[in-house]
Each structure stands twice: as C-alpha cells, then as structure tokens.
Amino acid sequence: MNDVDEGFKYVGFFKRFLAYLIDLIIFLPFLPLFNLLLRLSYERRSLLPYLVPLAIAYALLVFLVVKYGGTPGKLLLRLRIVDQKGQYLSIPAALIRMSPLLVASLLYTSALSRTLTLMSSSEIPHSFLEFGAATLKYGGVFQKVSEYWNFLLIVDPVAIFFNQRRRALHDFLAGSFVVSRGWHSRDSA
C-alpha cells in the first residue's frame, strides 16, 4: 500500500472547483493590469509585456504549491497538494503538475506572436474580446492546436470522478494528490 493511502482524505471535484473559483476571484483585480500588458504587447509588437507577468504568475503558483501545498483557494479551504508520501511537491513535480497549463500558455503565446507579426497597426485590440478575435483571425495553426489543448484542460478534471483517489490527469502526471489539510503529515508535526 502507498504511504498516501494511510489516513488521507482525498478531495473530490466540487471542493476543488470551489478552490479554483476562489483563485479566480483573488486574481480578478489583476485583470485590468493583464489587459493593459497584453495591449502593450500588441502596440509594441513584442511578447515581453505579456510574458513577464505570466512568468511571474507561474513562478508564484509553483512557490505556493512547493512552500505551502496549494494555491490560495486550496489554502483557504484547508486543502493541500501532496506527493505519495504526504509531503508538499518538489519544484519539478509542481512544474509537471502545471505542465498542461504551461503548454496551453505556450501555444497561446505562439498564436499571439504570429498575430503580432501579421496584423496591421490600425487593428490593435482594446478589449479581451478583441484580443481573442485577433488571435483567432491571425493565430493560424497555433490557435487551432491551442483550442484542442484547451479542450483537454476542460476534460482533465473529469478524471476526478473516475478514480478512488480523486486525481485529475495533471495529478497523475506529477504523482500528486489533493487532500484535506487535517490529514497532511506536515500539519500533524
């Protein structure tokens, strides 16, 4: 039997989804800033304004998972992301767990890069809907692949319903589990 099986309470889809919604609410105030940086990318024909905050956000999420065992939503709900031994994830495991999201971001970035090179200066988008329309128009194969990948990201959590340990596909990739905090080995120390 695996170490994580002894005394852990696995967390299902709905509580994990609630944690995700909390994460969205927490990061909602940063949306205008992200919109501004995306617009700067279009105006300057450079990915740098878009990539810097994206890299900072990913680094922050990896740090939170490695240091505290979860995203803000999971932490508020007293959930933790752990490995098979009940420990918080290592940096490589946290990156692997985020890899589906990272791949989606890279695909979108490729579509955005293609869009920046093909669209005229008079077509600079001003809203998220306009950004999306421009990427659909000019993103080419990267946009199509990104759409399929995003579909996989939607399907990913469905796996939670079909296994006893309530693991999503990204949990299988990283060897991670989402458990209730009271059952975590660091909390009892």
Protein backbone atom coordinates (compact mmCIF):
# COMPACT_ATOMS: atom_id res chain seq x y z
CA MET A 1 0.00 0.00 0.00
CA ASN A 2 1.21 3.53 -0.77
CA ASP A 3 2.08 5.89 2.08
CA VAL A 4 -0.57 8.39 0.97
CA ASP A 5 -3.34 5.80 1.35
CA GLU A 6 -2.92 5.64 5.10
CA GLY A 7 -5.05 8.29 6.81
CA PHE A 8 -5.54 10.72 3.93
CA LYS A 9 -8.89 12.15 2.92
CA TYR A 10 -8.91 12.74 -0.84
CA VAL A 11 -10.75 15.81 -2.10
CA GLY A 12 -13.29 15.49 -4.89
CA PHE A 13 -14.27 17.62 -7.84
CA PHE A 14 -16.68 20.09 -6.25
CA LYS A 15 -14.41 21.22 -3.42
CA ARG A 16 -11.50 21.51 -5.86
CA PHE A 17 -13.71 23.51 -8.24
CA LEU A 18 -14.67 25.83 -5.38
CA ALA A 19 -10.95 26.35 -4.66
CA TYR A 20 -10.44 27.20 -8.34
CA LEU A 21 -13.28 29.76 -8.20
CA ILE A 22 -11.69 31.35 -5.13
CA ASP A 23 -8.39 31.56 -7.04
CA LEU A 24 -10.19 33.31 -9.91
CA ILE A 25 -11.82 35.80 -7.54
CA ILE A 26 -8.47 36.53 -5.87
CA PHE A 27 -6.76 37.16 -9.19
CA LEU A 28 -9.68 39.12 -10.73
CA PRO A 29 -8.31 42.53 -9.59
CA PHE A 30 -5.20 41.86 -11.71
CA LEU A 31 -7.25 41.51 -14.91
CA PRO A 32 -7.07 45.22 -15.88
CA LEU A 33 -3.29 45.12 -15.48
CA PHE A 34 -3.06 41.99 -17.61
CA ASN A 35 -5.31 43.64 -20.22
CA LEU A 36 -3.00 46.67 -20.27
CA LEU A 37 0.11 44.50 -20.65
CA LEU A 38 -1.50 42.49 -23.45
CA ARG A 39 -2.37 45.74 -25.20
CA LEU A 40 1.24 46.91 -24.78
CA SER A 41 2.36 43.70 -26.44
CA TYR A 42 0.19 44.49 -29.44
CA GLU A 43 1.20 48.15 -29.59
CA ARG A 44 4.93 47.43 -29.28
CA ARG A 45 4.80 44.23 -31.34
CA SER A 46 6.64 42.49 -28.52
CA LEU A 47 5.77 39.49 -26.38
CA LEU A 48 7.78 40.83 -23.44
CA PRO A 49 4.97 42.83 -21.73
CA TYR A 50 2.78 39.71 -21.91
CA LEU A 51 5.40 37.14 -20.92
CA VAL A 52 6.91 38.86 -17.87
CA PRO A 53 3.73 38.88 -15.72
CA LEU A 54 2.82 35.40 -16.99
CA ALA A 55 6.21 34.06 -15.87
CA ILE A 56 5.82 35.83 -12.51
CA ALA A 57 2.34 34.31 -12.03
CA TYR A 58 3.60 30.79 -12.80
CA ALA A 59 6.60 31.24 -10.51
CA LEU A 60 4.27 32.42 -7.73
CA LEU A 61 1.98 29.42 -8.17
CA VAL A 62 4.91 26.99 -8.13
CA PHE A 63 6.26 28.69 -5.00
CA LEU A 64 2.88 28.43 -3.22
CA VAL A 65 2.49 24.74 -4.12
CA VAL A 66 6.05 23.89 -3.05
CA LYS A 67 6.18 26.03 0.11
CA TYR A 68 2.57 25.88 1.37
CA GLY A 69 0.99 22.99 -0.53
CA GLY A 70 -1.53 24.81 -2.67
CA THR A 71 -2.97 27.76 -4.49
CA PRO A 72 -4.70 30.50 -2.46
CA GLY A 73 -8.11 28.87 -2.98
CA LYS A 74 -6.89 25.49 -1.78
CA LEU A 75 -5.14 27.06 1.20
CA LEU A 76 -8.30 28.93 2.24
CA LEU A 77 -10.31 25.70 2.06
CA ARG A 78 -7.64 23.84 4.06
CA LEU A 79 -6.72 21.58 1.15
CA ARG A 80 -3.19 20.59 0.26
CA ILE A 81 -1.40 19.20 -2.79
CA VAL A 82 0.92 16.41 -1.68
CA ASP A 83 3.03 13.61 -3.12
CA GLN A 84 2.70 9.91 -2.38
CA LYS A 85 4.45 10.30 0.98
CA GLY A 86 2.21 13.17 2.07
CA GLN A 87 4.86 15.87 1.54
CA TYR A 88 4.44 19.08 -0.41
CA LEU A 89 5.59 18.78 -4.01
CA SER A 90 9.14 19.44 -5.17
CA ILE A 91 9.75 22.17 -7.74
CA PRO A 92 9.99 19.66 -10.63
CA ALA A 93 6.77 17.91 -9.53
CA ALA A 94 4.96 21.26 -9.19
CA LEU A 95 6.11 22.22 -12.70
CA ILE A 96 4.99 18.86 -14.08
CA ARG A 97 1.62 19.30 -12.36
CA MET A 98 1.29 22.68 -14.08
CA SER A 99 2.59 21.40 -17.44
CA PRO A 100 -0.83 21.18 -19.15
CA LEU A 101 -1.47 24.83 -18.29
CA LEU A 102 2.09 25.77 -19.31
CA VAL A 103 1.66 24.05 -22.68
CA ALA A 104 -1.64 25.88 -23.24
CA SER A 105 0.08 29.18 -22.41
CA LEU A 106 2.96 28.44 -24.79
CA LEU A 107 0.54 27.57 -27.58
CA TYR A 108 -1.40 30.78 -27.00
CA THR A 109 1.87 32.74 -26.87
CA SER A 110 2.84 31.25 -30.24
CA ALA A 111 -0.54 32.28 -31.67
CA LEU A 112 -0.10 35.74 -30.15
CA SER A 113 3.40 36.04 -31.65
CA ARG A 114 2.07 35.13 -35.08
CA THR A 115 -0.79 37.60 -34.64
CA LEU A 116 1.62 40.41 -33.72
CA THR A 117 3.62 39.89 -36.87
CA LEU A 118 0.64 39.67 -39.25
CA MET A 119 -1.86 42.29 -38.09
CA SER A 120 -1.68 45.93 -39.11
CA SER A 121 -1.07 48.76 -36.64
CA SER A 122 -4.62 50.04 -37.17
CA GLU A 123 -6.07 46.77 -35.82
CA ILE A 124 -4.66 46.97 -32.27
CA PRO A 125 -7.22 45.36 -29.93
CA HIS A 126 -8.55 47.21 -26.88
CA SER A 127 -10.50 44.54 -25.00
CA PHE A 128 -10.23 40.85 -24.21
CA LEU A 129 -12.87 40.07 -26.84
CA GLU A 130 -10.89 41.97 -29.46
CA PHE A 131 -7.67 40.18 -28.36
CA GLY A 132 -9.44 36.85 -28.80
CA ALA A 133 -10.84 37.81 -32.22
CA ALA A 134 -7.41 38.98 -33.44
CA THR A 135 -5.78 35.75 -32.28
CA LEU A 136 -8.49 33.68 -33.98
CA LYS A 137 -8.03 35.66 -37.19
CA TYR A 138 -4.22 35.60 -37.34
CA GLY A 139 -3.12 32.84 -34.95
CA GLY A 140 -3.05 30.12 -37.60
CA VAL A 141 -2.20 26.56 -36.65
CA PHE A 142 -1.08 27.62 -33.17
CA GLN A 143 -4.59 28.89 -32.43
CA LYS A 144 -6.17 25.65 -33.67
CA VAL A 145 -3.81 23.50 -31.59
CA SER A 146 -4.43 25.81 -28.62
CA GLU A 147 -8.19 25.28 -28.96
CA TYR A 148 -7.78 21.49 -28.87
CA TRP A 149 -5.40 21.74 -25.92
CA ASN A 150 -7.88 23.94 -24.05
CA PHE A 151 -10.50 21.26 -24.63
CA LEU A 152 -8.15 18.78 -22.91
CA LEU A 153 -7.82 21.19 -19.99
CA ILE A 154 -11.60 21.11 -19.63
CA VAL A 155 -11.66 17.29 -19.79
CA ASP A 156 -8.74 16.97 -17.31
CA PRO A 157 -10.82 17.40 -14.12
CA VAL A 158 -13.40 14.84 -15.27
CA ALA A 159 -10.88 12.13 -14.33
CA ILE A 160 -11.54 13.05 -10.68
CA PHE A 161 -14.89 11.29 -10.89
CA PHE A 162 -13.41 8.00 -12.13
CA ASN A 163 -10.77 7.07 -9.55
CA GLN A 164 -10.83 6.47 -5.80
CA ARG A 165 -8.07 8.95 -5.03
CA ARG A 166 -9.90 11.76 -6.87
CA ARG A 167 -6.94 12.60 -9.09
CA ALA A 168 -7.13 14.77 -12.20
CA LEU A 169 -4.92 13.92 -15.18
CA HIS A 170 -2.36 16.55 -14.11
CA ASP A 171 -2.18 14.83 -10.70
CA PHE A 172 -1.31 11.55 -12.41
CA LEU A 173 1.44 13.32 -14.38
CA ALA A 174 3.01 14.79 -11.24
CA GLY A 175 2.29 11.95 -8.82
CA SER A 176 0.24 14.36 -6.71
CA PHE A 177 -2.92 14.15 -4.63
CA VAL A 178 -5.25 16.81 -3.24
CA VAL A 179 -6.11 16.03 0.37
CA SER A 180 -7.82 17.69 3.31
CA ARG A 181 -5.35 19.63 5.42
CA GLY A 182 -6.11 17.85 8.69
CA TRP A 183 -4.80 14.66 7.10
CA HIS A 184 -1.49 16.12 5.94
CA SER A 185 1.73 14.86 7.57
CA ARG A 186 3.29 18.37 7.98
CA ASP A 187 0.21 19.58 9.84
CA SER A 188 0.50 16.91 12.50
CA ALA A 189 4.18 17.61 13.14
